Protein backbone atom coordinates (compact mmCIF):
# COMPACT_ATOMS: atom_id res chain seq x y z
CA MET A 1 -34.35 -51.13 -97.25
CA ALA A 2 -35.51 -48.53 -94.96
CA GLU A 3 -36.20 -49.67 -91.31
CA SER A 4 -39.34 -48.70 -89.37
CA TRP A 5 -39.44 -45.99 -86.88
CA GLU A 6 -40.01 -48.57 -84.10
CA THR A 7 -36.77 -50.28 -84.93
CA LEU A 8 -34.78 -46.66 -85.61
CA ASP A 9 -36.08 -45.24 -82.25
CA GLN A 10 -34.79 -48.35 -80.21
CA ARG A 11 -31.04 -47.38 -81.05
CA GLU A 12 -29.43 -46.24 -77.88
CA ILE A 13 -27.87 -42.64 -78.28
CA PRO A 14 -24.05 -42.93 -78.08
CA GLU A 15 -22.86 -42.13 -74.36
CA TRP A 16 -20.38 -39.46 -75.39
CA PHE A 17 -23.21 -36.85 -76.48
CA GLN A 18 -25.07 -36.86 -73.09
CA ASN A 19 -21.70 -36.80 -71.25
CA ALA A 20 -20.37 -33.80 -73.42
CA LYS A 21 -23.14 -31.32 -72.22
CA PHE A 22 -21.46 -28.15 -73.89
CA GLY A 23 -20.70 -27.65 -77.53
CA VAL A 24 -20.12 -24.61 -79.90
CA PHE A 25 -22.16 -24.04 -82.93
CA ILE A 26 -20.39 -21.94 -85.80
CA HIS A 27 -22.70 -20.13 -88.52
CA TRP A 28 -20.57 -18.86 -91.20
CA GLY A 29 -21.09 -18.19 -95.09
CA PRO A 30 -21.83 -15.64 -97.60
CA TYR A 31 -24.24 -14.02 -95.26
CA SER A 32 -21.24 -13.02 -93.14
CA VAL A 33 -20.32 -10.55 -95.78
CA PRO A 34 -23.22 -8.06 -95.24
CA ALA A 35 -23.66 -9.28 -91.58
CA TYR A 36 -26.90 -7.42 -91.17
CA ARG A 37 -30.39 -7.64 -90.15
CA SER A 38 -32.36 -5.08 -88.21
CA VAL A 39 -32.40 -6.17 -84.57
CA ASN A 40 -35.83 -6.53 -82.45
CA ASN A 41 -37.20 -8.29 -79.64
CA GLU A 42 -39.34 -10.74 -81.74
CA GLN A 43 -38.24 -14.50 -81.34
CA PHE A 44 -35.94 -15.39 -84.27
CA GLY A 45 -36.50 -12.02 -85.87
CA SER A 46 -32.89 -10.75 -85.66
CA TYR A 47 -31.06 -13.56 -87.47
CA ALA A 48 -28.51 -12.22 -89.99
CA GLU A 49 -27.74 -15.56 -91.66
CA TRP A 50 -31.30 -14.99 -92.96
CA TYR A 51 -30.14 -12.16 -95.03
CA TYR A 52 -31.11 -13.69 -98.38
CA ALA A 53 -34.70 -13.95 -97.48
CA SER A 54 -35.24 -11.18 -94.88
CA VAL A 55 -32.93 -8.32 -96.11
CA TYR A 56 -32.48 -9.12 -99.88
CA GLY A 57 -35.74 -10.78 -100.21
CA SER A 58 -39.04 -9.61 -98.59
CA TYR A 59 -39.88 -12.50 -96.01
CA ARG A 60 -40.19 -10.59 -92.57
CA ASN A 61 -38.15 -7.75 -94.06
CA SER A 62 -38.02 -4.61 -92.04
CA GLY A 63 -38.99 -2.57 -95.24
CA GLU A 64 -35.78 -0.31 -94.90
CA ARG A 65 -34.50 -1.42 -98.40
CA TYR A 66 -30.98 -1.93 -96.83
CA HIS A 67 -29.67 -3.98 -99.61
CA GLU A 68 -30.29 -1.75 -102.24
CA LYS A 69 -29.10 1.33 -100.44
CA MET A 70 -25.80 -0.56 -99.63
CA TYR A 71 -25.16 -2.62 -102.61
CA GLY A 72 -27.28 -1.43 -105.44
CA GLU A 73 -30.37 -3.19 -107.08
CA ASP A 74 -28.11 -5.11 -109.41
CA THR A 75 -26.10 -7.06 -106.76
CA GLU A 76 -27.33 -10.50 -106.04
CA TYR A 77 -27.17 -12.36 -102.84
CA ARG A 78 -24.82 -14.88 -104.70
CA ASP A 79 -22.52 -11.92 -105.42
CA PHE A 80 -21.50 -12.07 -101.71
CA ALA A 81 -19.50 -15.28 -102.03
CA LYS A 82 -16.76 -13.55 -104.01
CA TRP A 83 -16.21 -11.14 -101.06
CA PHE A 84 -16.35 -14.10 -98.64
CA ARG A 85 -12.65 -14.68 -98.57
CA ALA A 86 -11.96 -16.11 -95.09
CA GLU A 87 -8.31 -14.69 -95.55
CA LEU A 88 -7.68 -14.46 -91.68
CA PHE A 89 -9.44 -18.00 -90.94
CA ASP A 90 -7.08 -19.95 -88.71
CA PRO A 91 -8.65 -23.26 -87.89
CA ASP A 92 -5.95 -24.17 -85.27
CA TYR A 93 -6.47 -21.03 -83.25
CA LEU A 94 -10.44 -21.40 -83.54
CA ALA A 95 -10.36 -25.09 -82.43
CA GLY A 96 -8.04 -23.92 -79.58
CA LEU A 97 -10.14 -21.21 -78.35
CA ILE A 98 -13.33 -23.51 -78.36
CA ARG A 99 -11.27 -26.24 -76.47
CA ASP A 100 -10.46 -23.56 -73.97
CA SER A 101 -14.04 -22.58 -73.59
CA GLY A 102 -14.72 -26.23 -72.17
CA ALA A 103 -16.59 -27.32 -75.14
CA LYS A 104 -16.57 -30.85 -76.12
CA TYR A 105 -17.84 -30.66 -79.43
CA VAL A 106 -18.02 -28.35 -82.50
CA VAL A 107 -20.74 -28.11 -85.14
CA LEU A 108 -20.34 -26.17 -88.39
CA THR A 109 -22.77 -25.03 -90.78
CA THR A 110 -21.85 -27.09 -93.85
CA LYS A 111 -24.87 -25.48 -95.86
CA HIS A 112 -27.51 -23.19 -94.60
CA HIS A 113 -30.76 -22.39 -96.22
CA ASP A 114 -28.97 -20.32 -99.11
CA GLY A 115 -27.38 -23.66 -100.28
CA TYR A 116 -23.83 -22.49 -100.16
CA CYS A 117 -21.54 -25.36 -99.47
CA MET A 118 -18.55 -24.92 -96.99
CA TRP A 119 -16.72 -27.98 -98.73
CA PRO A 120 -15.67 -28.87 -102.10
CA THR A 121 -18.82 -30.70 -102.91
CA GLU A 122 -18.65 -33.10 -105.90
CA ASN A 123 -22.36 -32.41 -106.51
CA PRO A 124 -22.86 -30.89 -110.11
CA HIS A 125 -25.72 -28.67 -108.88
CA LYS A 126 -23.46 -26.80 -106.61
CA THR A 127 -20.79 -26.01 -109.04
CA HIS A 128 -19.25 -22.42 -108.13
CA TRP A 129 -21.65 -22.39 -105.13
CA ASN A 130 -19.08 -23.70 -102.60
CA SER A 131 -16.07 -22.48 -100.61
CA PHE A 132 -13.57 -24.39 -102.67
CA GLU A 133 -14.52 -22.75 -105.95
CA ASN A 134 -16.09 -19.45 -104.87
CA GLY A 135 -14.97 -17.34 -102.18
CA PRO A 136 -12.33 -18.73 -99.66
CA LYS A 137 -10.87 -21.39 -102.29
CA ARG A 138 -10.58 -23.57 -99.25
CA ASP A 139 -12.09 -26.78 -97.64
CA ILE A 140 -13.46 -24.90 -94.71
CA THR A 141 -15.28 -28.12 -93.24
CA GLY A 142 -12.16 -30.41 -93.72
CA GLU A 143 -9.78 -27.94 -92.28
CA LEU A 144 -11.96 -27.22 -89.23
CA LYS A 145 -12.70 -30.95 -88.56
CA GLU A 146 -8.95 -31.68 -88.70
CA ALA A 147 -8.16 -28.95 -86.12
CA VAL A 148 -11.01 -29.66 -83.86
CA GLU A 149 -10.16 -33.29 -83.57
CA LYS A 150 -6.68 -32.69 -82.98
CA LYS A 151 -7.71 -30.70 -80.03
CA GLY A 152 -9.57 -33.69 -78.72
CA MET A 153 -13.24 -32.65 -79.52
CA LYS A 154 -15.83 -34.20 -81.69
CA PHE A 155 -16.62 -32.59 -84.98
CA GLY A 156 -20.40 -32.35 -86.17
CA ILE A 157 -22.14 -30.85 -89.10
CA TYR A 158 -25.11 -28.70 -89.51
CA TYR A 159 -26.80 -29.25 -92.76
CA SER A 160 -29.96 -27.53 -94.12
CA ILE A 161 -32.46 -30.13 -95.43
CA ILE A 162 -33.95 -27.45 -97.82
CA ASP A 163 -32.69 -24.94 -100.22
CA TRP A 164 -34.52 -21.50 -100.29
CA GLU A 165 -33.75 -21.42 -104.19
CA SER A 166 -35.52 -24.93 -104.87
CA VAL A 167 -37.88 -25.69 -102.13
CA PRO A 168 -41.15 -23.46 -101.65
CA SER A 169 -42.70 -22.74 -98.48
CA HIS A 170 -46.33 -22.40 -97.00
CA ARG A 171 -44.82 -19.75 -94.71
CA CYS A 172 -44.33 -17.38 -97.71
CA ASP A 173 -47.01 -15.40 -99.56
CA ASP A 174 -44.96 -15.46 -102.76
CA GLY A 175 -44.48 -19.46 -102.41
CA TYR A 176 -40.72 -18.94 -101.75
CA PHE A 177 -38.54 -17.32 -99.06
CA ILE A 178 -36.44 -15.44 -101.63
CA PRO A 179 -37.25 -13.33 -104.73
CA GLU A 180 -38.77 -15.15 -107.52
CA LYS A 181 -35.96 -14.11 -109.95
CA ASP A 182 -33.36 -16.00 -107.99
CA VAL A 183 -35.46 -19.15 -107.80
CA LYS A 184 -35.72 -18.98 -111.53
CA LYS A 185 -32.15 -18.34 -112.12
CA TYR A 186 -30.46 -20.71 -109.64
CA GLY A 187 -33.18 -23.18 -108.48
CA LEU A 188 -34.02 -26.63 -109.40
CA PRO A 189 -37.49 -28.15 -109.38
CA LYS A 190 -38.20 -29.42 -105.80
CA ASP A 191 -38.44 -33.02 -106.71
CA ARG A 192 -35.16 -32.93 -108.50
CA TYR A 193 -33.52 -30.91 -105.59
CA LEU A 194 -34.47 -33.84 -103.14
CA LYS A 195 -33.37 -36.51 -105.32
CA GLU A 196 -30.10 -35.03 -106.82
CA VAL A 197 -28.84 -32.78 -104.16
CA LEU A 198 -30.37 -33.66 -100.60
CA ALA A 199 -29.84 -37.33 -100.31
CA PRO A 200 -26.41 -37.30 -102.23
CA GLN A 201 -25.01 -34.59 -100.14
CA LEU A 202 -25.57 -36.13 -96.81
CA HIS A 203 -24.08 -39.31 -97.98
CA GLU A 204 -21.19 -37.26 -99.38
CA LEU A 205 -20.75 -35.47 -95.83
CA VAL A 206 -20.92 -38.67 -93.80
CA GLU A 207 -18.38 -40.63 -96.06
CA LYS A 208 -15.85 -37.59 -96.49
CA TYR A 209 -16.02 -36.13 -92.86
CA GLU A 210 -17.24 -38.86 -90.55
CA PRO A 211 -19.10 -36.32 -88.43
CA SER A 212 -20.27 -37.24 -84.87
CA VAL A 213 -23.21 -34.98 -85.03
CA ILE A 214 -25.54 -34.36 -87.89
CA TYR A 215 -27.70 -31.28 -87.11
CA SER A 216 -30.46 -31.21 -89.67
CA ASP A 217 -32.82 -28.15 -90.21
CA GLY A 218 -35.59 -26.54 -92.37
CA GLY A 219 -37.24 -30.04 -93.29
CA GLU A 220 -39.85 -29.53 -90.36
CA TRP A 221 -41.13 -26.61 -92.01
CA ASP A 222 -42.84 -28.26 -95.23
CA LEU A 223 -41.26 -31.63 -96.16
CA THR A 224 -43.32 -34.76 -95.74
CA GLU A 225 -41.42 -37.96 -94.44
CA ASP A 226 -41.16 -39.44 -97.91
CA GLU A 227 -39.87 -36.26 -99.37
CA SER A 228 -37.12 -36.01 -96.55
CA GLN A 229 -35.97 -39.56 -97.27
CA VAL A 230 -34.98 -39.71 -93.61
CA ARG A 231 -35.57 -43.37 -92.76
CA PRO A 232 -33.57 -44.62 -95.67
CA PHE A 233 -30.90 -42.48 -94.78
CA LEU A 234 -30.83 -43.21 -90.90
CA SER A 235 -31.08 -46.94 -91.83
CA TRP A 236 -27.95 -46.63 -93.54
CA LEU A 237 -26.30 -44.28 -91.15
CA TYR A 238 -26.98 -46.48 -88.07
CA ASN A 239 -25.99 -49.75 -89.71
CA GLU A 240 -23.71 -49.34 -92.62
CA SER A 241 -21.97 -45.99 -92.44
CA PRO A 242 -18.33 -45.30 -91.11
CA VAL A 243 -20.04 -43.25 -88.29
CA LYS A 244 -22.77 -45.83 -87.19
CA ASP A 245 -21.47 -46.28 -83.56
CA LYS A 246 -20.76 -42.72 -82.89
CA VAL A 247 -23.12 -40.44 -84.63
CA VAL A 248 -26.18 -38.64 -83.19
CA VAL A 249 -28.97 -37.09 -85.15
CA ASN A 250 -31.61 -34.56 -84.25
CA ASP A 251 -35.21 -34.21 -85.40
CA ARG A 252 -35.80 -31.70 -88.04
CA PHE A 253 -35.77 -33.79 -91.31
CA TYR A 254 -39.53 -33.36 -91.87
CA LYS A 255 -42.90 -31.74 -90.53
CA GLU A 256 -43.80 -34.55 -88.02
CA MET A 257 -40.50 -35.32 -86.84
CA PRO A 258 -39.71 -32.67 -84.14
CA GLY A 259 -40.15 -34.21 -80.67
CA GLN A 260 -41.03 -37.63 -81.97
CA HIS A 261 -37.89 -39.25 -83.62
CA GLY A 262 -34.32 -38.61 -83.44
CA ASP A 263 -31.33 -39.36 -81.08
CA TYR A 264 -31.92 -35.92 -79.49
CA TYR A 265 -34.56 -33.17 -79.86
CA SER A 266 -33.72 -29.54 -80.65
CA THR A 267 -34.65 -26.53 -79.04
CA GLU A 268 -33.96 -22.98 -80.21
CA TYR A 269 -33.83 -19.94 -77.84
CA GLN A 270 -35.91 -21.76 -75.53
CA ASP A 271 -38.75 -22.28 -77.87
CA LYS A 272 -40.08 -25.43 -76.39
CA GLN A 273 -39.65 -27.54 -73.26
CA ILE A 274 -38.28 -31.00 -73.69
CA ASP A 275 -39.04 -33.82 -70.99
CA ASN A 276 -37.88 -37.62 -70.78
CA HIS A 277 -35.59 -37.50 -73.94
CA PRO A 278 -32.11 -36.21 -74.86
CA PHE A 279 -32.25 -32.66 -75.92
CA GLU A 280 -29.96 -29.87 -77.06
CA GLU A 281 -30.69 -26.20 -76.71
CA SER A 282 -28.95 -23.99 -79.11
CA ARG A 283 -28.62 -20.20 -79.14
CA GLY A 284 -26.38 -17.26 -80.20
CA ILE A 285 -24.45 -15.04 -77.70
CA GLY A 286 -26.69 -12.36 -78.94
CA LYS A 287 -29.81 -12.30 -80.80
CA SER A 288 -28.48 -13.79 -84.04
CA TYR A 289 -26.42 -17.00 -85.02
CA GLY A 290 -24.68 -15.43 -88.06
CA TYR A 291 -22.61 -12.26 -87.12
CA ASN A 292 -24.96 -9.28 -87.19
CA ARG A 293 -23.23 -5.85 -87.18
CA ALA A 294 -26.45 -4.04 -86.06
CA GLU A 295 -26.26 -5.83 -82.84
CA ARG A 296 -25.16 -3.42 -79.87
CA ALA A 297 -23.46 -4.46 -76.56
CA GLU A 298 -26.86 -4.67 -74.67
CA ASP A 299 -28.02 -7.28 -77.28
CA TYR A 300 -25.35 -9.71 -76.23
CA CYS A 301 -25.77 -12.08 -73.01
CA THR A 302 -23.10 -11.52 -70.37
CA SER A 303 -20.75 -14.29 -69.51
CA LYS A 304 -22.82 -14.78 -66.17
CA GLU A 305 -26.01 -15.02 -68.18
CA LEU A 306 -24.42 -17.78 -70.48
CA ILE A 307 -23.23 -19.67 -67.57
CA GLN A 308 -26.57 -19.56 -65.84
CA GLU A 309 -27.90 -20.73 -69.23
CA LEU A 310 -25.52 -23.62 -69.08
CA VAL A 311 -26.46 -24.66 -65.77
CA ARG A 312 -30.20 -24.35 -66.63
CA VAL A 313 -29.97 -26.78 -69.54
CA VAL A 314 -27.69 -29.32 -68.08
CA SER A 315 -29.69 -29.36 -64.78
CA LYS A 316 -32.82 -30.19 -66.95
CA GLY A 317 -30.73 -33.11 -68.87
CA GLY A 318 -29.87 -31.20 -71.87
CA ASN A 319 -26.82 -29.91 -73.81
CA LEU A 320 -26.09 -26.36 -74.50
CA LEU A 321 -25.01 -25.71 -78.12
CA LEU A 322 -23.58 -22.00 -77.97
CA ASN A 323 -23.29 -20.24 -81.15
CA ILE A 324 -20.41 -17.99 -82.41
CA GLY A 325 -20.53 -16.20 -85.57
CA PRO A 326 -17.19 -15.28 -87.38
CA MET A 327 -16.70 -12.24 -89.43
CA ALA A 328 -16.19 -12.84 -93.18
CA ASP A 329 -12.59 -12.69 -93.00
CA GLY A 330 -12.50 -15.65 -90.61
CA THR A 331 -11.88 -13.61 -87.31
CA ILE A 332 -14.06 -14.07 -84.19
CA PRO A 333 -15.64 -11.09 -82.80
CA ILE A 334 -13.87 -9.83 -79.54
CA HIS A 335 -17.06 -10.01 -77.49
CA GLU A 336 -17.50 -13.62 -78.40
CA VAL A 337 -13.91 -14.47 -77.60
CA GLU A 338 -14.22 -12.97 -74.23
CA ARG A 339 -17.53 -15.03 -73.54
CA LEU A 340 -15.84 -18.26 -74.51
CA LYS A 341 -12.93 -17.54 -72.36
CA GLU A 342 -14.97 -16.79 -69.33
CA ILE A 343 -17.11 -19.92 -69.51
CA GLY A 344 -13.85 -21.88 -69.99
CA ALA A 345 -12.45 -20.29 -66.74
CA TRP A 346 -15.61 -21.38 -64.82
CA LEU A 347 -15.82 -24.67 -66.42
CA ALA A 348 -12.07 -25.21 -65.42
CA ASP A 349 -13.25 -24.73 -61.70
CA CYS A 350 -16.77 -26.34 -62.07
CA GLY A 351 -16.65 -28.83 -64.85
CA GLU A 352 -17.06 -31.65 -62.70
CA ALA A 353 -20.70 -30.40 -61.82
CA ILE A 354 -21.36 -30.15 -65.65
CA TYR A 355 -19.79 -33.08 -67.49
CA ASN A 356 -20.99 -36.68 -67.24
CA THR A 357 -23.75 -35.53 -64.74
CA LYS A 358 -27.39 -36.28 -64.40
CA PRO A 359 -30.24 -33.79 -63.38
CA TYR A 360 -30.95 -34.26 -59.57
CA PHE A 361 -34.16 -33.32 -58.27
CA PRO A 362 -34.19 -32.78 -54.44
CA GLU A 363 -36.54 -30.45 -52.81
CA ASN A 364 -34.01 -27.66 -53.11
CA GLU A 365 -35.25 -24.74 -55.21
CA ASN A 366 -31.86 -24.35 -56.82
CA PRO A 367 -30.66 -26.28 -60.31
CA SER A 368 -28.84 -29.32 -59.30
CA THR A 369 -26.85 -32.27 -60.89
CA CYS A 370 -25.31 -35.43 -59.67
CA CYS A 371 -22.50 -37.99 -60.57
CA GLY A 372 -22.16 -40.98 -58.10
CA ARG A 373 -22.08 -39.90 -54.61
CA ASN A 374 -21.63 -36.26 -55.42
CA ARG A 375 -24.38 -33.73 -55.62
CA TYR A 376 -23.84 -30.25 -57.11
CA ILE A 377 -26.05 -27.32 -56.18
CA PHE A 378 -25.84 -24.12 -58.12
CA LEU A 379 -26.44 -20.86 -56.27
CA ASP A 380 -26.64 -17.26 -57.65
CA ARG A 381 -26.36 -15.68 -54.21
CA ALA A 382 -25.01 -16.11 -50.69
CA ASP A 383 -25.30 -14.44 -47.24
CA ALA A 384 -22.57 -13.62 -45.07
CA GLU A 385 -23.91 -15.69 -42.38
CA GLY A 386 -23.96 -18.89 -44.31
CA ILE A 387 -25.29 -20.87 -47.38
CA TYR A 388 -28.66 -22.80 -46.47
CA LEU A 389 -29.57 -25.87 -48.34
CA THR A 390 -32.49 -28.13 -47.88
CA SER A 391 -33.23 -31.75 -48.45
CA HIS A 392 -29.68 -33.18 -47.28
CA GLU A 393 -29.50 -34.63 -43.96
CA GLU A 394 -26.07 -33.81 -42.21
CA GLN A 395 -25.51 -37.72 -41.10
CA MET A 396 -25.40 -38.53 -44.92
CA VAL A 397 -22.80 -35.85 -45.80
CA GLU A 398 -19.06 -36.98 -46.02
CA SER A 399 -17.71 -33.62 -47.24
CA ILE A 400 -18.94 -30.29 -48.74
CA SER A 401 -16.85 -27.93 -50.74
CA ILE A 402 -17.68 -24.79 -52.80
CA LEU A 403 -15.65 -25.15 -56.48
CA GLY A 404 -13.24 -22.80 -56.96
CA VAL A 405 -13.64 -20.98 -53.68
CA ASP A 406 -13.31 -23.47 -50.58
CA PRO A 407 -12.25 -27.10 -50.83
CA ASP A 408 -13.51 -28.04 -47.32
CA CYS A 409 -16.45 -26.14 -45.76
CA ILE A 410 -17.87 -26.41 -42.28
CA TYR A 411 -21.50 -27.51 -42.14
CA GLN A 412 -24.45 -28.31 -39.62
CA THR A 413 -28.09 -28.91 -39.57
CA GLU A 414 -29.99 -25.58 -38.45
CA ASP A 415 -33.65 -25.33 -38.19
CA GLY A 416 -33.99 -28.33 -40.53
CA ARG A 417 -31.57 -27.01 -43.12
CA LEU A 418 -28.26 -27.64 -44.03
CA ARG A 419 -25.96 -24.66 -43.28
CA VAL A 420 -22.73 -24.24 -44.97
CA GLU A 421 -20.12 -21.85 -44.01
CA THR A 422 -16.72 -20.73 -45.47
CA ASP A 423 -13.73 -18.86 -44.08
CA ASN A 424 -13.18 -17.40 -47.56
CA LEU A 425 -16.09 -14.95 -47.79
CA GLU A 426 -14.08 -12.46 -49.63
CA GLY A 427 -13.15 -15.25 -52.32
CA LEU A 428 -16.71 -16.23 -52.26
CA TYR A 429 -18.41 -12.94 -53.25
CA ARG A 430 -15.49 -12.19 -55.76
CA TYR A 431 -16.37 -15.35 -57.52
CA LEU A 432 -20.17 -14.53 -57.43
CA GLU A 433 -19.14 -10.99 -58.87
CA ARG A 434 -17.00 -12.63 -61.54
CA PHE A 435 -19.28 -15.66 -62.80
CA GLY A 436 -22.64 -14.89 -61.12
CA MET A 437 -22.77 -18.46 -59.67
CA ILE A 438 -21.10 -20.71 -56.97
CA THR A 439 -21.32 -24.41 -56.95
CA VAL A 440 -21.70 -26.32 -53.66
CA LYS A 441 -20.42 -29.96 -53.82
CA ILE A 442 -21.92 -32.49 -51.50
CA THR A 443 -20.32 -35.80 -51.23
CA GLU A 444 -22.43 -38.18 -49.70
CA ASN A 445 -21.46 -41.46 -47.49
CA ASP A 446 -22.57 -44.77 -48.10
CA SER A 447 -25.54 -44.41 -45.98
CA ARG A 448 -27.29 -42.65 -48.81
CA LYS A 449 -26.60 -45.40 -51.30
CA GLU A 450 -28.03 -47.77 -48.72
CA GLU A 451 -30.93 -45.82 -48.39
CA GLU A 452 -31.48 -45.46 -52.14
CA GLU A 453 -31.10 -49.16 -52.59
CA LYS A 454 -33.93 -49.91 -50.11
């Protein structure tokens, strides 16, 4: 029997998720074969994983007839699966790369809106439209889960609540995101899809792979609560399933769910502001989640910008889920490897200011976090004459350090502000040049605790 939202919302979110702070998203599938969508500055307008709808189909299509020119009018989107071979996919390497980035969890797109399944699903409606029968001939989900967990990280799944081939949308003039001929050839009636695919596959994924994260998507566009079957699913998930004590679920199962229900709320390329609830910001390194060959160097965030984004999100109480988009053969684009390695190098020095922390909101204008008696202040600049901080009284300070630069700084009160000096100015500027950020750690003495208790 389905529990009420009042009961479901009382569940405490598992502690690991809010302590983790940083995860890696992976968008990978048949859309990685053409790996294309024209690039623009419109929000969500460069997503290459939307090839089926927006290049092959007419939804927000740039009008350039790219698919017909490259592959011919007789080539269907589903034909890409046979070229999606993943012949160079090395799950142990990928898991190691992600671990070294400092990420604590990984979320794989097990089924995107195109309906292609990245595991050997037993669902009869997905015969020959999964990675075990068509394409790699491998259980991508199972192999990656095993590698990720061996490296000490949590494994999660992204699952599209809808399939473009079977679920119409009010957003589309023609009723569907994809061409009518593909709907008629491959789709199911909506009610059958919801009953015979959606519910059984969610249970199948949980029972087979025991994910720590379930990232739902697409249901918030058109589905009603009853159509999504979310309350019966969550009632089972939280009370009876093999992951009931560790799993976290987001808020995209049906139209009224975002920002109202879910262990955590999802934001995407900063599309909304979340207050007073666990949240997770997701984004690609560039403008797309799936690998997009049309993106140029200037379309990708630098490592400095991504570190600043991580700091921004964590200092507001959220997690950052940073996406990578493997190529069709399973290799990771070099620029994404480089970004992950640089973030990992920074977190090796400054991870204590990110993991297991909470937002700290002093009068200081800079992003801040805290953990116990430690306060962390993130700065994107410094002057040779010293670093000035507000809202910290000298008598309450036990020690100050600059993580990765100076373990024992000199400090004093000057003009009502706390002034921090370092003898390693060369190292400080070199650190700023490399990472775009320095982290000042202030360890407060017991007098601060006594004052807070009063």
